[in-house]
Protein backbone atom coordinates (compact mmCIF):
# COMPACT_ATOMS: atom_id res chain seq x y z
CA MET A 1 47.31 51.70 60.46
CA TYR A 2 47.90 55.05 62.22
CA ARG A 3 51.00 57.23 62.12
CA VAL A 4 50.28 59.43 65.16
CA TRP A 5 51.93 57.45 67.91
CA ASN A 6 55.03 59.65 68.04
CA PHE A 7 53.00 62.83 67.56
CA VAL A 8 50.54 61.89 70.30
CA THR A 9 53.31 60.83 72.66
CA ASN A 10 55.23 64.09 72.20
CA TYR A 11 52.04 66.13 72.56
CA SER A 12 51.06 64.27 75.68
CA LEU A 13 54.43 64.48 77.36
CA LEU A 14 54.65 68.22 76.84
CA LEU A 15 51.11 68.82 78.02
CA ILE A 16 51.59 66.57 81.04
CA GLY A 17 54.94 68.17 81.74
CA GLY A 18 53.34 71.61 81.87
CA ALA A 19 50.50 70.38 84.05
CA VAL A 20 52.79 68.58 86.51
CA THR A 21 55.08 71.59 86.72
CA ALA A 22 52.10 73.81 87.47
CA LEU A 23 50.77 71.46 90.22
CA VAL A 24 54.18 71.28 91.93
CA TRP A 25 54.83 75.01 91.58
CA VAL A 26 51.43 76.22 92.86
CA ASN A 27 51.52 73.91 95.83
CA ILE A 28 55.02 75.01 96.81
CA HIS A 29 54.81 78.73 96.13
CA PRO A 30 51.27 79.76 95.04
CA ASN A 31 51.89 83.51 95.04
CA SER A 32 54.74 83.39 92.51
CA TYR A 33 52.75 80.99 90.32
CA HIS A 34 49.70 83.25 90.15
CA ASP A 35 51.93 86.27 89.57
CA VAL A 36 53.34 84.58 86.49
CA VAL A 37 49.96 83.46 85.22
CA GLU A 38 48.50 86.96 85.44
CA PHE A 39 51.70 88.72 84.37
CA VAL A 40 50.76 91.82 82.35
CA LEU A 41 52.42 91.93 78.96
CA LEU A 42 50.62 95.04 77.61
CA ASP A 43 48.22 97.44 79.26
CA ASN A 44 45.60 99.41 77.30
CA ALA A 45 46.15 97.04 74.32
CA ILE A 46 43.86 96.19 71.42
CA ILE A 47 43.68 92.60 72.55
CA GLY A 48 43.30 91.15 76.05
CA HIS A 49 40.93 91.00 78.99
CA ALA A 50 38.31 93.74 78.76
CA HIS A 51 37.61 95.91 81.82
CA GLU A 52 35.72 99.15 82.22
CA VAL A 53 37.28 102.29 83.78
CA ASN A 54 35.18 105.46 84.00
CA GLY A 55 32.81 104.23 81.30
CA GLN A 56 35.62 103.37 78.90
CA ILE A 57 36.58 99.79 77.90
CA TYR A 58 40.26 98.95 78.18
CA ARG A 59 42.01 95.71 77.41
CA THR A 60 44.92 94.20 79.30
CA LEU A 61 47.05 91.49 77.64
CA THR A 62 48.23 89.01 80.24
CA LEU A 63 50.31 85.88 79.81
CA HIS A 64 47.22 83.81 80.57
CA TYR A 65 45.15 85.60 77.90
CA LEU A 66 47.99 85.22 75.34
CA VAL A 67 48.03 81.46 75.81
CA ASN A 68 44.36 80.65 76.39
CA ASP A 69 42.70 83.13 74.03
CA VAL A 70 45.31 83.76 71.36
CA LEU A 71 47.69 80.82 71.00
CA MET A 72 45.14 78.10 71.79
CA ALA A 73 43.31 79.24 68.66
CA PHE A 74 45.89 77.26 66.69
CA PHE A 75 45.11 74.12 68.72
CA PHE A 76 41.39 74.45 68.02
CA ALA A 77 42.14 75.17 64.36
CA VAL A 78 44.02 71.83 64.11
CA ALA A 79 41.07 70.08 65.75
CA ALA A 80 38.67 71.85 63.40
CA LYS A 81 40.78 70.72 60.42
CA GLU A 82 40.20 67.08 61.36
CA VAL A 83 36.49 67.67 61.87
CA TRP A 84 36.15 69.59 58.58
CA GLU A 85 37.87 66.91 56.56
CA ALA A 86 35.92 64.12 58.27
CA VAL A 87 32.63 65.86 57.32
CA ILE A 88 33.29 67.43 53.87
CA LEU A 89 35.65 65.11 52.00
CA ARG A 90 34.81 62.01 50.01
CA ASN A 91 35.25 59.00 52.30
CA GLY A 92 35.29 61.33 55.29
CA ALA A 93 35.15 59.49 58.60
CA LEU A 94 31.98 61.27 59.75
CA ARG A 95 30.02 60.75 56.54
CA GLY A 96 27.59 57.97 55.72
CA LYS A 97 26.19 55.06 57.61
CA LYS A 98 29.60 54.01 59.01
CA ALA A 99 29.63 57.15 61.17
CA ALA A 100 26.05 56.82 62.42
CA THR A 101 26.67 54.60 65.45
CA PRO A 102 29.75 56.56 66.64
CA LEU A 103 27.85 59.86 66.25
CA ILE A 104 24.91 58.58 68.23
CA ALA A 105 27.24 57.18 70.86
CA THR A 106 28.88 60.62 71.01
CA LEU A 107 25.51 62.15 71.90
CA GLY A 108 25.24 59.69 74.70
CA GLY A 109 28.76 60.42 75.77
CA MET A 110 27.82 64.09 76.17
CA ALA A 111 24.31 63.68 77.56
CA GLY A 112 25.32 61.13 80.19
CA PRO A 113 27.90 63.35 81.91
CA VAL A 114 25.47 66.30 81.93
CA VAL A 115 22.71 64.23 83.50
CA VAL A 116 25.03 62.83 86.19
CA TYR A 117 26.69 66.19 86.90
CA LEU A 118 23.48 68.20 87.21
CA GLY A 119 21.55 65.38 88.81
CA LEU A 120 24.03 64.94 91.63
CA ALA A 121 24.29 68.72 92.05
CA ALA A 122 20.50 68.92 92.41
CA ILE A 123 20.54 66.14 95.05
CA LEU A 124 23.12 68.14 97.03
CA GLY A 125 20.76 71.09 97.23
CA SER A 126 19.81 74.30 95.47
CA ASP A 127 22.80 76.24 96.76
CA THR A 128 25.23 73.73 95.32
CA TYR A 129 23.26 73.45 92.07
CA ASP A 130 23.12 77.21 91.55
CA ALA A 131 26.86 77.50 92.22
CA VAL A 132 28.03 74.76 89.84
CA ALA A 133 25.29 74.56 87.19
CA LYS A 134 27.18 76.72 84.70
CA GLY A 135 29.90 74.07 84.51
CA TRP A 136 27.59 71.40 83.05
CA ALA A 137 29.77 71.15 79.92
CA VAL A 138 33.06 70.49 81.75
CA PRO A 139 32.63 66.69 81.94
CA THR A 140 31.36 66.34 78.35
CA ALA A 141 34.82 66.58 76.77
CA THR A 142 37.00 63.71 75.47
CA ASP A 143 40.72 64.31 75.12
CA ILE A 144 41.65 62.86 71.71
CA ALA A 145 45.33 62.31 72.28
CA PHE A 146 45.20 60.70 75.71
CA SER A 147 42.18 58.61 74.77
CA TYR A 148 44.00 57.41 71.70
CA ILE A 149 47.02 56.31 73.78
CA VAL A 150 44.86 54.44 76.31
CA GLY A 151 42.72 52.95 73.52
CA ARG A 152 45.79 51.46 71.91
CA ILE A 153 46.97 50.07 75.21
CA VAL A 154 43.61 48.43 75.86
CA PHE A 155 42.64 47.24 72.37
CA GLY A 156 45.85 47.25 70.34
CA ALA A 157 46.41 49.35 67.24
CA GLY A 158 44.40 47.10 64.91
CA HIS A 159 41.21 46.70 66.87
CA PRO A 160 38.10 48.32 65.23
CA ALA A 161 37.26 49.86 68.65
CA VAL A 162 40.27 52.21 68.25
CA ARG A 163 38.86 53.67 65.05
CA PHE A 164 35.41 53.88 66.69
CA LEU A 165 37.00 55.75 69.61
CA LEU A 166 38.71 58.20 67.26
CA LEU A 167 35.43 58.89 65.43
CA LEU A 168 33.69 59.47 68.74
CA ALA A 169 36.47 61.80 69.97
CA ILE A 170 36.48 63.87 66.76
CA ALA A 171 32.67 64.23 66.90
CA ASP A 172 32.97 65.12 70.57
CA ASP A 173 35.50 67.84 69.64
CA ALA A 174 33.10 69.26 67.05
CA ALA A 175 30.31 69.37 69.63
CA GLY A 176 32.67 70.92 72.17
CA LEU A 177 33.56 73.74 69.78
CA PHE A 178 29.83 74.38 69.27
CA ILE A 179 29.22 74.42 73.04
CA LEU A 180 32.09 76.85 73.62
CA ALA A 181 30.82 79.22 70.93
CA VAL A 182 27.16 79.15 71.94
CA PHE A 183 27.09 78.71 75.69
CA TYR A 184 30.31 80.35 76.88
CA PRO A 185 30.75 83.80 75.31
CA SER A 186 33.70 85.72 76.66
CA GLY A 187 31.77 89.00 77.07
CA ALA A 188 28.72 90.96 76.03
CA LEU A 189 27.58 89.76 72.64
CA ALA A 190 28.06 92.04 69.64
CA PRO A 191 27.23 89.76 66.68
CA VAL A 192 27.86 92.44 64.10
CA TRP A 193 31.61 91.83 64.57
CA LEU A 194 31.17 88.32 63.20
CA LEU A 195 30.74 89.98 59.80
CA LEU A 196 34.46 90.72 59.96
CA SER A 197 35.18 87.00 60.52
CA ALA A 198 32.79 85.89 57.80
CA GLY A 199 34.09 88.58 55.41
CA ALA A 200 37.74 87.65 55.98
CA SER A 201 36.99 83.98 55.38
CA ALA A 202 34.95 84.68 52.27
CA ALA A 203 37.50 87.13 50.84
CA VAL A 204 40.48 84.80 51.26
CA PHE A 205 38.52 81.87 49.80
CA VAL A 206 37.43 83.80 46.69
CA LEU A 207 40.74 85.56 46.01
CA PHE A 208 43.24 82.83 46.82
CA ASN A 209 41.34 79.56 46.40
CA TRP A 210 38.27 79.78 44.17
CA LEU A 211 39.50 82.43 41.65
CA PRO A 212 42.88 80.78 40.83
CA ARG A 213 41.03 77.49 40.21
CA ILE A 214 38.54 79.19 37.93
CA LEU A 215 41.34 80.88 35.96
CA ASP A 216 43.11 77.52 35.66
CA ARG A 217 40.01 75.70 34.37
CA GLY A 218 41.02 73.50 31.40
CA ASP A 219 44.76 74.00 31.99
CA GLN A 220 46.35 70.98 33.64
CA ALA A 221 49.46 72.98 34.49
CA ARG A 222 47.36 75.13 36.87
CA PRO A 223 49.69 78.14 36.61
CA ASN A 224 47.61 80.56 38.75
CA SER A 225 47.00 78.10 41.58
CA SER A 226 50.65 77.12 41.50
CA TRP A 227 51.81 80.72 41.64
CA VAL A 228 49.55 81.45 44.63
CA ARG A 229 50.73 78.36 46.47
CA LYS A 230 54.45 79.01 45.72
CA TYR A 231 54.65 82.74 46.43
CA LEU A 232 51.84 83.45 48.85
CA SER A 233 51.58 80.09 50.65
CA PHE A 234 49.69 80.37 53.93
CA TRP A 235 50.19 84.13 54.45
CA PRO A 236 46.78 85.28 53.08
CA TYR A 237 45.06 82.80 55.37
CA LEU A 238 47.11 83.90 58.35
CA ALA A 239 46.02 87.50 57.69
CA ALA A 240 42.40 86.39 57.36
CA GLY A 241 42.80 84.37 60.54
CA ALA A 242 44.05 87.41 62.42
CA ALA A 243 41.05 89.44 61.22
CA SER A 244 38.66 86.62 62.04
CA TRP A 245 40.16 86.23 65.52
CA TYR A 246 39.72 89.92 66.23
CA GLY A 247 36.12 89.69 65.09
CA PHE A 248 35.50 86.92 67.56
CA GLN A 249 37.12 88.89 70.39
CA GLU A 250 35.00 91.96 69.72
CA SER A 251 31.83 89.90 69.17
CA GLY A 252 31.98 88.43 72.63
CA LEU A 253 32.44 84.85 71.43
CA HIS A 254 35.50 83.11 72.81
CA PRO A 255 38.44 84.24 70.66
CA ALA A 256 40.18 80.86 70.90
CA LEU A 257 37.65 79.79 68.29
CA GLY A 258 38.49 82.73 66.05
CA LEU A 259 40.40 80.75 63.40
CA LEU A 260 37.58 78.26 62.78
CA PRO A 261 35.82 80.26 60.00
CA VAL A 262 39.04 80.38 57.98
CA VAL A 263 39.76 76.63 58.02
CA PRO A 264 37.11 75.74 55.38
CA ALA A 265 38.51 78.46 53.11
CA ILE A 266 41.94 76.80 52.84
CA PRO A 267 42.58 74.53 49.78
CA HIS A 268 42.32 70.95 50.92
CA ALA A 269 42.66 67.42 49.57
CA ASP A 270 39.92 65.96 47.42
CA ARG A 271 39.38 62.93 49.61
CA ALA A 272 39.96 61.76 53.16
CA PHE A 273 42.20 58.81 54.02
CA GLY A 274 40.89 58.46 57.56
CA ILE A 275 41.68 60.22 60.80
CA PHE A 276 45.46 60.27 61.28
CA ALA A 277 45.93 57.97 58.25
CA GLU A 278 49.52 57.45 57.17
CA ALA A 279 48.77 58.68 53.67
CA GLU A 280 48.12 62.21 54.97
CA GLN A 281 51.82 62.85 55.44
CA TYR A 282 52.26 62.62 51.65
CA LEU A 283 49.46 65.04 50.78
CA THR A 284 50.62 68.36 49.32
CA ASP A 285 47.47 70.41 49.73
CA LEU A 286 47.83 73.64 51.68
CA LEU A 287 45.58 72.58 54.58
CA ASN A 288 47.69 69.52 55.39
CA HIS A 289 50.85 71.58 54.83
CA ILE A 290 49.69 74.13 57.38
CA GLN A 291 48.84 71.40 59.87
CA ARG A 292 52.34 69.99 59.57
CA LEU A 293 53.83 73.49 60.07
CA LEU A 294 51.73 73.87 63.24
CA LYS A 295 52.71 70.48 64.72
CA HIS A 296 55.63 71.62 66.88
CA PRO A 297 54.29 75.11 67.74
CA VAL A 298 51.05 73.56 68.99
CA GLU A 299 52.98 71.10 71.12
CA VAL A 300 54.81 74.01 72.79
CA ILE A 301 51.54 75.97 73.13
CA LEU A 302 49.99 73.00 74.92
CA PHE A 303 52.90 72.86 77.34
CA PHE A 304 52.22 76.42 78.34
CA PHE A 305 48.47 75.76 78.42
CA GLY A 306 49.08 73.01 80.97
CA LEU A 307 51.52 75.24 82.87
CA LEU A 308 49.12 78.22 83.10
CA ASN A 309 45.87 76.31 83.64
CA ALA A 310 46.61 73.17 85.69
CA GLY A 311 48.05 75.02 88.68
CA VAL A 312 45.48 74.00 91.27
CA GLU A 313 46.25 73.74 94.98
CA PHE A 314 45.31 70.39 96.46
CA SER A 315 43.27 72.24 99.08
CA SER A 316 40.92 73.16 96.24
CA ILE A 317 39.46 69.66 96.03
CA GLY A 318 35.77 69.88 96.81
CA THR A 319 32.25 69.21 95.59
CA PRO A 320 32.82 70.47 92.00
CA THR A 321 35.78 68.08 91.76
CA TRP A 322 33.62 65.05 92.52
CA LEU A 323 30.78 66.28 90.28
CA VAL A 324 33.08 66.63 87.27
CA LEU A 325 34.71 63.31 88.04
CA ALA A 326 31.38 61.52 88.40
CA GLY A 327 30.13 63.05 85.19
CA LEU A 328 33.18 61.70 83.36
CA LEU A 329 33.72 58.33 85.01
CA ILE A 330 30.03 57.36 85.37
CA GLY A 331 28.10 59.45 82.87
CA LYS A 332 30.45 59.03 79.92
CA PRO A 333 30.65 55.19 79.83
CA ALA A 334 26.92 54.87 80.65
CA GLY A 335 25.90 57.33 77.97
CA VAL A 336 28.17 55.83 75.28
CA LEU A 337 26.92 52.31 76.09
CA LEU A 338 23.22 53.22 76.18
CA PHE A 339 23.14 55.38 73.06
CA GLY A 340 25.52 53.07 71.23
CA TRP A 341 23.27 50.08 72.05
CA VAL A 342 20.22 51.97 70.77
CA ALA A 343 22.02 52.74 67.52
CA ALA A 344 23.39 49.23 67.06
CA ARG A 345 20.34 47.18 68.09
CA PRO A 346 16.92 48.93 67.95
CA LEU A 347 18.00 51.26 65.11
CA ARG A 348 19.89 48.37 63.46
CA LEU A 349 22.88 50.49 62.50
CA GLY A 350 25.27 47.88 63.89
CA LEU A 351 28.81 48.02 65.23
CA PRO A 352 32.03 47.71 63.23
CA VAL A 353 32.91 44.14 62.29
CA GLY A 354 34.88 42.59 65.14
CA MET A 355 33.56 44.91 67.82
CA ARG A 356 31.29 43.69 70.63
CA MET A 357 28.85 45.53 72.85
CA ALA A 358 31.22 44.95 75.75
CA ASP A 359 33.90 46.75 73.76
CA LEU A 360 31.57 49.71 73.46
CA PHE A 361 31.44 50.00 77.25
CA VAL A 362 35.25 49.96 77.40
CA VAL A 363 35.38 52.65 74.71
CA GLY A 364 33.13 54.77 76.96
CA CYS A 365 35.56 54.27 79.87
CA VAL A 366 38.50 55.37 77.68
CA ALA A 367 36.54 58.41 76.42
CA ALA A 368 36.07 59.55 80.03
CA ILE A 369 39.55 61.16 79.94
CA GLY A 370 38.60 64.83 79.66
CA PHE A 371 41.77 66.71 80.59
CA THR A 372 42.69 69.34 77.93
CA VAL A 373 39.26 70.54 76.75
CA SER A 374 37.65 69.94 80.17
CA ILE A 375 40.23 72.22 81.78
CA PHE A 376 39.68 74.80 79.04
CA ILE A 377 35.89 74.72 79.54
CA ALA A 378 36.30 75.01 83.32
CA SER A 379 38.45 78.09 82.86
CA VAL A 380 35.71 79.84 80.87
CA ALA A 381 32.65 78.41 82.62
CA PHE A 382 33.43 79.75 86.11
CA ASP A 383 34.52 83.15 87.25
CA GLY A 384 37.84 82.90 88.98
CA SER A 385 36.46 84.55 92.09
CA ALA A 386 33.38 82.32 92.53
CA THR A 387 33.61 80.03 95.57
CA ILE A 388 31.82 77.20 97.27
CA GLU A 389 32.68 75.70 100.63
CA GLY A 390 35.50 78.22 100.83
CA ILE A 391 37.24 77.04 97.66
CA ARG A 392 37.31 78.41 94.14
CA ILE A 393 34.84 76.55 91.95
CA GLN A 394 37.02 76.95 88.89
CA ASP A 395 40.02 75.31 90.58
CA ALA A 396 37.89 72.51 92.03
CA ALA A 397 36.41 71.75 88.60
CA LYS A 398 39.86 71.72 87.02
CA MET A 399 40.99 69.23 89.66
CA GLY A 400 38.17 66.94 88.56
CA ALA A 401 39.41 67.19 84.97
CA LEU A 402 42.90 66.32 86.13
CA PHE A 403 41.67 63.34 88.13
CA SER A 404 39.93 62.00 85.01
CA PHE A 405 43.22 60.38 84.15
CA GLY A 406 41.93 57.68 86.48
CA ALA A 407 39.70 56.62 83.61
CA ALA A 408 42.77 55.06 82.06
CA LEU A 409 43.15 52.58 84.87
CA ILE A 410 39.37 51.90 84.86
CA ALA A 411 39.45 51.27 81.11
CA ILE A 412 42.39 48.86 81.38
CA ALA A 413 40.64 46.98 84.20
CA ALA A 414 37.33 46.94 82.30
CA GLY A 415 39.09 45.62 79.18
CA ARG A 416 40.51 42.70 81.12
CA ALA A 417 37.23 42.04 82.87
CA VAL A 418 35.24 41.76 79.64
CA GLY A 419 37.95 39.81 77.80
CA VAL A 420 39.17 42.38 75.25
CA ARG A 421 41.64 40.75 72.89
CA LYS A 422 44.37 43.07 71.58
CA GLN A 423 44.78 43.26 67.84
CA ARG A 424 47.93 44.40 66.08
CA ALA A 425 47.81 46.81 63.19
């Protein structure tokens, strides 16, 4: 039913490879690791970390900024593509009644971790709460790729719970993008710069998408649209993406989200075949073509993301680690089960045919793997210099995201305990 096994496996291996390399490196020789992470590529550049010197704002482009703020924009664009198609296209996975229960379960899967994270922090005292409160969103994330792998191991490729899990993860990604944009700005807000992003998206849509289709109206040969696709391809959208990204950087919103406004402007298919459906590889629309072009570059980008962000010394394990882990391992399954039950029973929206309430709990356990997006949120939620109990809060929170891989073992054990029967595709 799904064609992503090889893609997900390659993606996962590269990301894990980068993360494991970082963990080994930083615990053997931390100074050299941090020197590489903060290596300065350009000083006084037009992009990079902003800092003030004598009343003037300067930017320094480091290797970490290049990966996290520039290159990761392509990763979030790919995620946004799946969300956009699931919402806008006919038969989209997040449209209609069929998506209602997964969407409500997603709300629970985000609310549960926040309640557990902040609740436990409050119990530990005001000092702890004040120190870690800004990281409330770290345990809300669900890593699509790793969750998909574990979901197939637990349920088998043909079980309806796997599709339910994918819907939940995609909706979780959409909510995560919203949280990053609204709650974690990268600097002082200057919303006027978003006009550049909006203008770039609108201009490229009108000139290279809408106008050629209008000129081709009534002509089945579609000469104008074909000429634009053949000779211009993705280049106008790349230029618009660069302008949009710069607008996000200057606006204070996290620039890794800078390509999102351009995604809806790209010509796309007229219907959805389902998340990761096999038919997508045969689609010739520009949006799917761009996604295929980005496949291998994004895999490499994620290797470097793991390398530059997962380097946490084991001595950094502390209270934030356990708060993030509790939010994911306790709050996520509880929230998914509770909200999913409300949707399926009191609201009478039901579950997919062949899926039990016990399967919903196991789905929540699988969704507790935060990893990629949890690490990303931790890196923007906490200042790198903030400490608690003598350890850096950011590093301790990242360690909690890394430990969330334990959710895989919990999910497998839970699946066996409740009698999940694997189903082949």
